[in-house]
């Protein structure tokens, strides 16, 4: 029972470790895309002040 719990915990931790950087990279790509579309940054500034 303890071994199964340890293996399950390790697999969940591994999945989270690999999933979080992928989500962060997608968010960074969205930021770069929005910055390229609105080079003056007006949209970003407006979102930060809201």
Protein backbone atom coordinates (compact mmCIF):
# COMPACT_ATOMS: atom_id res chain seq x y z
CA UNK A 1 0.00 0.00 0.00
CA UNK A 2 2.76 2.46 0.94
CA UNK A 3 4.73 1.62 -2.20
CA UNK A 4 1.69 2.23 -4.40
CA UNK A 5 1.08 5.58 -2.71
CA UNK A 6 4.71 6.62 -3.23
CA UNK A 7 4.61 5.64 -6.91
CA UNK A 8 1.33 7.52 -7.42
CA UNK A 9 2.73 10.63 -5.72
CA UNK A 10 5.89 10.49 -7.78
CA UNK A 11 3.93 10.14 -11.03
CA UNK A 12 1.69 13.10 -10.16
CA UNK A 13 4.71 15.24 -9.24
CA UNK A 14 6.39 14.31 -12.52
CA UNK A 15 3.28 15.19 -14.52
CA UNK A 16 3.01 18.58 -12.82
CA UNK A 17 6.71 19.26 -13.37
CA UNK A 18 6.37 18.69 -17.10
CA UNK A 19 3.00 20.44 -17.47
CA UNK A 20 3.80 23.79 -15.80
CA UNK A 21 6.65 24.89 -18.11
CA UNK A 22 4.49 24.11 -21.14
CA UNK A 23 1.74 26.37 -19.81
CA UNK A 24 4.23 29.12 -19.01
CA UNK A 25 5.71 28.91 -22.51
CA UNK A 26 2.27 29.25 -24.07
CA UNK A 27 1.56 32.30 -21.94
CA UNK A 28 4.90 33.83 -22.92
CA UNK A 29 4.13 33.22 -26.58
CA UNK A 30 0.75 34.94 -26.19
CA UNK A 31 2.50 37.92 -24.60
CA UNK A 32 4.98 38.17 -27.47
CA UNK A 33 2.20 37.89 -30.04
CA UNK A 34 0.14 40.63 -28.39
CA UNK A 35 3.20 42.87 -28.12
CA UNK A 36 3.90 42.38 -31.83
CA UNK A 37 0.31 43.21 -32.78
CA UNK A 38 0.21 46.35 -30.58
CA UNK A 39 3.76 47.75 -30.65
CA UNK A 40 2.82 50.88 -28.68
CA UNK A 41 1.72 48.69 -25.78
CA UNK A 42 -1.54 50.54 -25.31
CA UNK A 43 -3.49 47.31 -24.86
CA UNK A 44 -1.04 46.00 -22.26
CA UNK A 45 -1.01 49.26 -20.34
CA UNK A 46 -4.80 49.35 -20.31
CA UNK A 47 -4.99 45.75 -19.00
CA UNK A 48 -2.47 46.52 -16.25
CA UNK A 49 -4.44 49.53 -15.02
CA UNK A 50 -7.81 47.73 -14.99
